[in-house]
Amino acid sequence: MAFLSSMNITGSGLTAQQLRLDVISENVSNINTTRVEGGDGPYQRKMVVMVADEGRNTFREVLAQAAGGIPAATGDLSETGGVRVTQIVEDTSPFKLQYDPSHPDANEEGYVEMPNVDLVKEITDAMAATQAFSANVTAFNTLKTVATRALDIGK
């Protein structure tokens, strides 16, 4: 059923954006962490890498089928599109140096390496992830309404 595929697609978006918000929260909570486990320097900002799962037909193929009356490809109907997180990578941008000779992690010159987390960037990313999550919720609610109305037809 295409209806269930749509739910899976929306669900994948919700899951991916929730993970993105979790990673952003981790970045913000470690904005002042100057030492990580293992002693490899300060906390490094993390980013989520997402890829699109195209499913059985690309959007262009669906439009061509609708416009030209081309019959739909007979493929595996269990394949759905959506998005998936492939990895969480560390940001390789340089650490910030802050002068604080009294800090236990200060180097010989009195500078402390601070995480490469920028609060403004994290808040912006969080707002974008929240909007994407909200859009997926709206799509899911619309799909739920369509399904409910379809069931009402049979009454």
N, C-alpha and C. Protein backbone atom coordinates (compact mmCIF):
# COMPACT_ATOMS: atom_id res chain seq x y z
N MET A 1 0.83 -1.18 0.00
CA MET A 1 0.00 0.00 0.00
C MET A 1 0.88 1.25 0.00
N ALA A 2 0.59 2.15 -0.92
CA ALA A 2 1.35 3.40 -1.01
C ALA A 2 1.16 4.24 0.25
N PHE A 3 0.01 4.09 0.86
CA PHE A 3 -0.30 4.84 2.07
C PHE A 3 0.68 4.48 3.19
N LEU A 4 0.97 3.19 3.35
CA LEU A 4 1.91 2.77 4.37
C LEU A 4 3.34 3.18 4.02
N SER A 5 3.68 3.18 2.74
CA SER A 5 4.99 3.66 2.32
C SER A 5 5.17 5.12 2.70
N SER A 6 4.13 5.90 2.53
CA SER A 6 4.19 7.32 2.90
C SER A 6 4.44 7.48 4.40
N MET A 7 3.83 6.62 5.19
CA MET A 7 4.07 6.68 6.64
C MET A 7 5.51 6.33 6.97
N ASN A 8 6.07 5.34 6.26
CA ASN A 8 7.46 4.97 6.49
C ASN A 8 8.40 6.10 6.11
N ILE A 9 8.11 6.79 5.01
CA ILE A 9 8.94 7.90 4.57
C ILE A 9 8.91 9.02 5.62
N THR A 10 7.72 9.36 6.07
CA THR A 10 7.58 10.41 7.08
C THR A 10 8.26 10.00 8.37
N GLY A 11 8.12 8.75 8.74
CA GLY A 11 8.78 8.24 9.95
C GLY A 11 10.29 8.32 9.87
N SER A 12 10.84 8.05 8.68
CA SER A 12 12.30 8.14 8.52
C SER A 12 12.77 9.58 8.70
N GLY A 13 11.97 10.53 8.22
CA GLY A 13 12.31 11.94 8.41
C GLY A 13 12.25 12.35 9.87
N LEU A 14 11.24 11.88 10.57
CA LEU A 14 11.13 12.18 12.00
C LEU A 14 12.32 11.63 12.77
N THR A 15 12.69 10.39 12.47
CA THR A 15 13.80 9.75 13.16
C THR A 15 15.12 10.46 12.88
N ALA A 16 15.36 10.82 11.63
CA ALA A 16 16.61 11.50 11.26
C ALA A 16 16.72 12.87 11.92
N GLN A 17 15.63 13.62 11.93
CA GLN A 17 15.67 14.96 12.53
C GLN A 17 15.80 14.88 14.05
N GLN A 18 15.21 13.85 14.65
CA GLN A 18 15.36 13.68 16.10
C GLN A 18 16.82 13.39 16.45
N LEU A 19 17.48 12.54 15.66
CA LEU A 19 18.89 12.26 15.89
C LEU A 19 19.73 13.53 15.70
N ARG A 20 19.38 14.30 14.67
CA ARG A 20 20.09 15.57 14.44
C ARG A 20 19.96 16.50 15.64
N LEU A 21 18.77 16.59 16.22
CA LEU A 21 18.56 17.42 17.41
C LEU A 21 19.34 16.88 18.61
N ASP A 22 19.43 15.55 18.72
CA ASP A 22 20.21 14.95 19.81
C ASP A 22 21.69 15.32 19.69
N VAL A 23 22.23 15.27 18.48
CA VAL A 23 23.63 15.61 18.26
C VAL A 23 23.87 17.10 18.54
N ILE A 24 22.95 17.94 18.12
CA ILE A 24 23.07 19.38 18.40
C ILE A 24 23.06 19.63 19.90
N SER A 25 22.19 18.92 20.63
CA SER A 25 22.14 19.06 22.09
C SER A 25 23.45 18.64 22.72
N GLU A 26 24.05 17.58 22.20
CA GLU A 26 25.34 17.13 22.72
C GLU A 26 26.41 18.20 22.47
N ASN A 27 26.39 18.80 21.29
CA ASN A 27 27.35 19.86 20.98
C ASN A 27 27.22 21.03 21.94
N VAL A 28 25.98 21.47 22.17
CA VAL A 28 25.75 22.62 23.05
C VAL A 28 26.15 22.29 24.48
N SER A 29 25.84 21.09 24.92
CA SER A 29 26.17 20.74 26.31
C SER A 29 27.67 20.62 26.53
N ASN A 30 28.44 20.41 25.47
CA ASN A 30 29.90 20.30 25.59
C ASN A 30 30.64 21.54 25.10
N ILE A 31 29.96 22.68 25.07
CA ILE A 31 30.55 23.89 24.51
C ILE A 31 31.78 24.37 25.30
N ASN A 32 31.90 23.98 26.56
CA ASN A 32 33.04 24.38 27.38
C ASN A 32 33.90 23.20 27.82
N THR A 33 33.75 22.05 27.21
CA THR A 33 34.50 20.85 27.59
C THR A 33 35.90 20.92 26.98
N THR A 34 36.89 21.07 27.83
CA THR A 34 38.26 21.22 27.35
C THR A 34 39.04 19.91 27.33
N ARG A 35 38.44 18.86 27.84
CA ARG A 35 39.14 17.59 27.90
C ARG A 35 38.13 16.46 27.70
N VAL A 36 38.42 15.56 26.77
CA VAL A 36 37.55 14.41 26.54
C VAL A 36 38.20 13.16 27.12
N GLU A 37 37.43 12.12 27.23
CA GLU A 37 37.96 10.86 27.74
C GLU A 37 39.11 10.39 26.86
N GLY A 38 40.19 10.00 27.45
CA GLY A 38 41.35 9.60 26.68
C GLY A 38 42.37 10.72 26.56
N GLY A 39 41.99 11.95 26.95
CA GLY A 39 42.92 13.07 26.95
C GLY A 39 43.35 13.56 25.58
N ASP A 40 42.49 13.44 24.58
CA ASP A 40 42.85 13.86 23.21
C ASP A 40 42.46 15.30 22.91
N GLY A 41 42.47 16.16 23.88
CA GLY A 41 42.13 17.55 23.64
C GLY A 41 40.69 17.85 23.92
N PRO A 42 40.21 19.01 23.46
CA PRO A 42 38.83 19.41 23.75
C PRO A 42 37.81 18.63 22.91
N TYR A 43 36.56 18.82 23.28
CA TYR A 43 35.45 18.21 22.57
C TYR A 43 35.42 18.71 21.13
N GLN A 44 35.17 17.81 20.19
CA GLN A 44 35.01 18.20 18.78
C GLN A 44 33.55 18.17 18.41
N ARG A 45 33.12 19.21 17.73
CA ARG A 45 31.73 19.31 17.26
C ARG A 45 31.39 18.14 16.36
N LYS A 46 30.17 17.62 16.51
CA LYS A 46 29.70 16.51 15.68
C LYS A 46 28.61 16.99 14.74
N MET A 47 28.52 16.35 13.57
CA MET A 47 27.50 16.67 12.58
C MET A 47 26.89 15.37 12.06
N VAL A 48 25.63 15.43 11.70
CA VAL A 48 24.90 14.28 11.17
C VAL A 48 24.94 14.32 9.65
N VAL A 49 25.26 13.18 9.04
CA VAL A 49 25.26 13.06 7.58
C VAL A 49 24.06 12.21 7.19
N MET A 50 23.18 12.79 6.36
CA MET A 50 21.97 12.10 5.92
C MET A 50 22.02 11.89 4.41
N VAL A 51 21.43 10.79 3.95
CA VAL A 51 21.30 10.54 2.52
C VAL A 51 19.84 10.20 2.22
N ALA A 52 19.44 10.51 1.01
CA ALA A 52 18.08 10.23 0.58
C ALA A 52 17.99 8.78 0.11
N ASP A 53 16.97 8.09 0.57
CA ASP A 53 16.63 6.78 0.04
C ASP A 53 15.60 7.02 -1.05
N GLU A 54 15.96 6.72 -2.28
CA GLU A 54 15.08 7.06 -3.39
C GLU A 54 13.86 6.16 -3.50
N GLY A 55 13.90 5.00 -2.94
CA GLY A 55 12.75 4.12 -3.06
C GLY A 55 12.67 3.52 -4.44
N ARG A 56 11.45 3.12 -4.83
CA ARG A 56 11.32 2.39 -6.09
C ARG A 56 11.30 3.28 -7.32
N ASN A 57 10.83 4.53 -7.22
CA ASN A 57 10.77 5.44 -8.36
C ASN A 57 11.27 6.80 -7.95
N THR A 58 12.02 7.44 -8.82
CA THR A 58 12.41 8.81 -8.54
C THR A 58 11.22 9.72 -8.84
N PHE A 59 11.26 10.92 -8.35
CA PHE A 59 10.18 11.87 -8.56
C PHE A 59 10.00 12.15 -10.06
N ARG A 60 11.11 12.23 -10.77
CA ARG A 60 11.05 12.49 -12.21
C ARG A 60 10.31 11.35 -12.94
N GLU A 61 10.57 10.10 -12.53
CA GLU A 61 9.89 8.96 -13.16
C GLU A 61 8.39 8.99 -12.90
N VAL A 62 8.02 9.35 -11.68
CA VAL A 62 6.60 9.42 -11.34
C VAL A 62 5.91 10.51 -12.16
N LEU A 63 6.54 11.67 -12.31
CA LEU A 63 5.96 12.74 -13.12
C LEU A 63 5.84 12.31 -14.58
N ALA A 64 6.84 11.63 -15.11
CA ALA A 64 6.79 11.17 -16.50
C ALA A 64 5.66 10.17 -16.68
N GLN A 65 5.48 9.30 -15.71
CA GLN A 65 4.39 8.32 -15.79
C GLN A 65 3.04 9.01 -15.75
N ALA A 66 2.89 10.01 -14.90
CA ALA A 66 1.62 10.71 -14.77
C ALA A 66 1.31 11.53 -16.01
N ALA A 67 2.32 12.17 -16.57
CA ALA A 67 2.11 13.05 -17.73
C ALA A 67 1.91 12.27 -19.02
N GLY A 68 2.62 11.19 -19.20
CA GLY A 68 2.58 10.48 -20.47
C GLY A 68 1.78 9.21 -20.46
N GLY A 69 1.17 8.90 -19.35
CA GLY A 69 0.40 7.67 -19.30
C GLY A 69 1.27 6.42 -19.37
N ILE A 70 2.55 6.57 -19.06
CA ILE A 70 3.46 5.43 -19.06
C ILE A 70 3.11 4.55 -17.87
N PRO A 71 2.99 3.24 -18.09
CA PRO A 71 2.64 2.38 -16.96
C PRO A 71 3.73 2.38 -15.90
N ALA A 72 3.32 2.26 -14.66
CA ALA A 72 4.27 2.26 -13.55
C ALA A 72 5.15 1.02 -13.63
N ALA A 73 6.39 1.22 -13.21
CA ALA A 73 7.34 0.10 -13.21
C ALA A 73 6.89 -0.91 -12.18
N THR A 74 7.04 -2.16 -12.51
CA THR A 74 6.68 -3.20 -11.57
C THR A 74 7.93 -3.56 -10.79
N GLY A 75 8.02 -3.02 -9.62
CA GLY A 75 9.19 -3.26 -8.78
C GLY A 75 8.76 -3.78 -7.44
N ASP A 76 9.69 -3.89 -6.55
CA ASP A 76 9.41 -4.34 -5.20
C ASP A 76 8.69 -3.22 -4.46
N LEU A 77 7.45 -3.46 -4.11
CA LEU A 77 6.65 -2.42 -3.45
C LEU A 77 7.05 -2.20 -2.00
N SER A 78 7.90 -3.07 -1.47
CA SER A 78 8.33 -2.88 -0.09
C SER A 78 9.41 -1.82 0.01
N GLU A 79 10.02 -1.44 -1.10
CA GLU A 79 11.04 -0.40 -1.08
C GLU A 79 10.36 0.96 -0.96
N THR A 80 10.77 1.71 0.03
CA THR A 80 10.23 3.05 0.17
C THR A 80 11.36 4.05 0.16
N GLY A 81 11.00 5.28 -0.06
CA GLY A 81 11.98 6.34 -0.02
C GLY A 81 12.14 6.86 1.39
N GLY A 82 12.65 8.04 1.48
CA GLY A 82 12.83 8.65 2.80
C GLY A 82 14.24 9.14 2.96
N VAL A 83 14.67 9.15 4.18
CA VAL A 83 16.02 9.61 4.51
C VAL A 83 16.59 8.68 5.57
N ARG A 84 17.91 8.54 5.55
CA ARG A 84 18.56 7.77 6.61
C ARG A 84 19.87 8.44 6.97
N VAL A 85 20.25 8.27 8.21
CA VAL A 85 21.51 8.81 8.70
C VAL A 85 22.59 7.78 8.40
N THR A 86 23.63 8.20 7.69
CA THR A 86 24.70 7.27 7.36
C THR A 86 25.82 7.30 8.39
N GLN A 87 26.08 8.48 8.94
CA GLN A 87 27.15 8.56 9.93
C GLN A 87 27.07 9.87 10.70
N ILE A 88 27.77 9.90 11.81
CA ILE A 88 27.95 11.12 12.58
C ILE A 88 29.45 11.41 12.53
N VAL A 89 29.80 12.55 11.94
CA VAL A 89 31.20 12.89 11.73
C VAL A 89 31.61 14.03 12.67
N GLU A 90 32.91 14.10 12.92
CA GLU A 90 33.44 15.19 13.74
C GLU A 90 33.87 16.34 12.84
N ASP A 91 33.56 17.55 13.27
CA ASP A 91 33.95 18.76 12.54
C ASP A 91 35.46 18.94 12.69
N THR A 92 36.14 19.14 11.57
CA THR A 92 37.60 19.26 11.60
C THR A 92 38.08 20.71 11.67
N SER A 93 37.17 21.65 11.88
CA SER A 93 37.59 23.05 11.98
C SER A 93 38.47 23.22 13.23
N PRO A 94 39.34 24.22 13.21
CA PRO A 94 40.30 24.38 14.33
C PRO A 94 39.60 24.75 15.64
N PHE A 95 40.26 24.38 16.72
CA PHE A 95 39.75 24.74 18.04
C PHE A 95 39.99 26.22 18.30
N LYS A 96 39.20 26.78 19.20
CA LYS A 96 39.36 28.18 19.59
C LYS A 96 40.38 28.25 20.72
N LEU A 97 41.21 29.26 20.70
CA LEU A 97 42.17 29.46 21.79
C LEU A 97 41.67 30.57 22.70
N GLN A 98 41.71 30.30 23.99
CA GLN A 98 41.26 31.26 24.99
C GLN A 98 42.38 31.44 26.01
N TYR A 99 42.73 32.68 26.29
CA TYR A 99 43.80 32.94 27.25
C TYR A 99 43.29 32.81 28.67
N ASP A 100 43.82 31.83 29.39
CA ASP A 100 43.47 31.60 30.79
C ASP A 100 44.60 30.79 31.43
N PRO A 101 45.66 31.46 31.86
CA PRO A 101 46.81 30.73 32.40
C PRO A 101 46.52 29.94 33.67
N SER A 102 45.43 30.25 34.37
CA SER A 102 45.11 29.53 35.60
C SER A 102 44.34 28.23 35.34
N HIS A 103 43.91 28.00 34.10
CA HIS A 103 43.14 26.80 33.76
C HIS A 103 44.06 25.58 33.78
N PRO A 104 43.59 24.46 34.30
CA PRO A 104 44.45 23.26 34.36
C PRO A 104 44.85 22.72 32.97
N ASP A 105 44.10 23.04 31.93
CA ASP A 105 44.41 22.55 30.58
C ASP A 105 45.16 23.58 29.74
N ALA A 106 45.65 24.65 30.37
CA ALA A 106 46.36 25.70 29.63
C ALA A 106 47.73 25.18 29.19
N ASN A 107 48.15 25.64 28.00
CA ASN A 107 49.48 25.26 27.51
C ASN A 107 50.54 26.18 28.13
N GLU A 108 51.78 26.07 27.65
CA GLU A 108 52.89 26.84 28.22
C GLU A 108 52.68 28.36 28.10
N GLU A 109 52.00 28.79 27.03
CA GLU A 109 51.76 30.22 26.83
C GLU A 109 50.52 30.72 27.58
N GLY A 110 49.78 29.82 28.23
CA GLY A 110 48.59 30.21 28.99
C GLY A 110 47.30 30.11 28.21
N TYR A 111 47.34 29.52 27.02
CA TYR A 111 46.13 29.39 26.20
C TYR A 111 45.50 28.01 26.39
N VAL A 112 44.16 28.02 26.40
CA VAL A 112 43.39 26.79 26.52
C VAL A 112 42.69 26.55 25.19
N GLU A 113 42.80 25.32 24.68
CA GLU A 113 42.04 24.97 23.46
C GLU A 113 40.59 24.71 23.86
N MET A 114 39.70 25.47 23.27
CA MET A 114 38.27 25.32 23.53
C MET A 114 37.62 24.58 22.37
N PRO A 115 36.49 23.93 22.59
CA PRO A 115 35.82 23.19 21.51
C PRO A 115 35.49 24.09 20.32
N ASN A 116 35.37 23.47 19.15
CA ASN A 116 35.04 24.20 17.92
C ASN A 116 33.52 24.31 17.73
N VAL A 117 32.82 24.44 18.83
CA VAL A 117 31.36 24.56 18.81
C VAL A 117 31.00 26.04 18.84
N ASP A 118 30.20 26.46 17.87
CA ASP A 118 29.72 27.85 17.79
C ASP A 118 28.24 27.84 18.16
N LEU A 119 27.90 28.51 19.25
CA LEU A 119 26.53 28.48 19.76
C LEU A 119 25.53 29.01 18.74
N VAL A 120 25.87 30.06 18.01
CA VAL A 120 24.95 30.62 17.01
C VAL A 120 24.67 29.59 15.92
N LYS A 121 25.71 28.90 15.47
CA LYS A 121 25.54 27.87 14.44
C LYS A 121 24.68 26.72 14.96
N GLU A 122 24.89 26.33 16.20
CA GLU A 122 24.11 25.23 16.78
C GLU A 122 22.64 25.61 16.93
N ILE A 123 22.37 26.84 17.35
CA ILE A 123 20.99 27.29 17.49
C ILE A 123 20.31 27.34 16.12
N THR A 124 21.04 27.82 15.12
CA THR A 124 20.50 27.86 13.76
C THR A 124 20.20 26.46 13.25
N ASP A 125 21.12 25.54 13.47
CA ASP A 125 20.90 24.14 13.05
C ASP A 125 19.71 23.53 13.80
N ALA A 126 19.59 23.86 15.09
CA ALA A 126 18.47 23.34 15.87
C ALA A 126 17.14 23.87 15.36
N MET A 127 17.12 25.14 14.97
CA MET A 127 15.88 25.72 14.42
C MET A 127 15.52 25.04 13.10
N ALA A 128 16.52 24.78 12.25
CA ALA A 128 16.26 24.11 10.97
C ALA A 128 15.78 22.68 11.20
N ALA A 129 16.39 21.98 12.14
CA ALA A 129 15.97 20.61 12.44
C ALA A 129 14.56 20.59 13.02
N THR A 130 14.24 21.56 13.85
CA THR A 130 12.90 21.65 14.43
C THR A 130 11.85 21.90 13.34
N GLN A 131 12.18 22.78 12.40
CA GLN A 131 11.25 23.05 11.30
C GLN A 131 11.04 21.82 10.42
N ALA A 132 12.12 21.10 10.15
CA ALA A 132 12.01 19.88 9.35
C ALA A 132 11.20 18.83 10.10
N PHE A 133 11.41 18.70 11.40
CA PHE A 133 10.64 17.76 12.21
C PHE A 133 9.16 18.14 12.18
N SER A 134 8.89 19.43 12.33
CA SER A 134 7.51 19.92 12.31
C SER A 134 6.84 19.66 10.96
N ALA A 135 7.59 19.84 9.88
CA ALA A 135 7.04 19.57 8.55
C ALA A 135 6.69 18.09 8.39
N ASN A 136 7.52 17.21 8.94
CA ASN A 136 7.22 15.78 8.88
C ASN A 136 5.99 15.44 9.72
N VAL A 137 5.83 16.09 10.87
CA VAL A 137 4.63 15.87 11.69
C VAL A 137 3.39 16.31 10.93
N THR A 138 3.48 17.46 10.25
CA THR A 138 2.35 17.95 9.46
C THR A 138 2.01 16.98 8.34
N ALA A 139 3.03 16.47 7.67
CA ALA A 139 2.79 15.49 6.60
C ALA A 139 2.14 14.23 7.16
N PHE A 140 2.60 13.78 8.32
CA PHE A 140 2.03 12.59 8.93
C PHE A 140 0.57 12.82 9.31
N ASN A 141 0.27 13.98 9.89
CA ASN A 141 -1.12 14.29 10.27
C ASN A 141 -2.02 14.39 9.04
N THR A 142 -1.51 14.95 7.96
CA THR A 142 -2.28 15.02 6.71
C THR A 142 -2.56 13.61 6.19
N LEU A 143 -1.56 12.77 6.23
CA LEU A 143 -1.71 11.38 5.79
C LEU A 143 -2.73 10.65 6.65
N LYS A 144 -2.70 10.91 7.94
CA LYS A 144 -3.66 10.29 8.86
C LYS A 144 -5.09 10.75 8.55
N THR A 145 -5.26 12.02 8.23
CA THR A 145 -6.57 12.55 7.87
C THR A 145 -7.08 11.91 6.58
N VAL A 146 -6.20 11.77 5.59
CA VAL A 146 -6.58 11.14 4.32
C VAL A 146 -7.02 9.70 4.56
N ALA A 147 -6.28 8.98 5.38
CA ALA A 147 -6.62 7.59 5.66
C ALA A 147 -7.95 7.47 6.38
N THR A 148 -8.19 8.37 7.34
CA THR A 148 -9.45 8.36 8.08
C THR A 148 -10.63 8.63 7.15
N ARG A 149 -10.45 9.61 6.25
CA ARG A 149 -11.53 9.92 5.31
C ARG A 149 -11.76 8.79 4.33
N ALA A 150 -10.71 8.09 3.96
CA ALA A 150 -10.85 6.95 3.06
C ALA A 150 -11.65 5.83 3.75
N LEU A 151 -11.43 5.65 5.04
CA LEU A 151 -12.17 4.64 5.78
C LEU A 151 -13.63 5.05 5.93
N ASP A 152 -13.89 6.36 6.02
CA ASP A 152 -15.28 6.84 6.15
C ASP A 152 -16.08 6.59 4.88
N ILE A 153 -15.40 6.47 3.74
CA ILE A 153 -16.11 6.22 2.47
C ILE A 153 -16.85 4.89 2.52
N GLY A 154 -16.26 3.93 3.18
CA GLY A 154 -16.84 2.60 3.24
C GLY A 154 -18.02 2.47 4.19
N LYS A 155 -18.33 3.50 4.94
CA LYS A 155 -19.44 3.43 5.90
C LYS A 155 -20.78 3.51 5.23
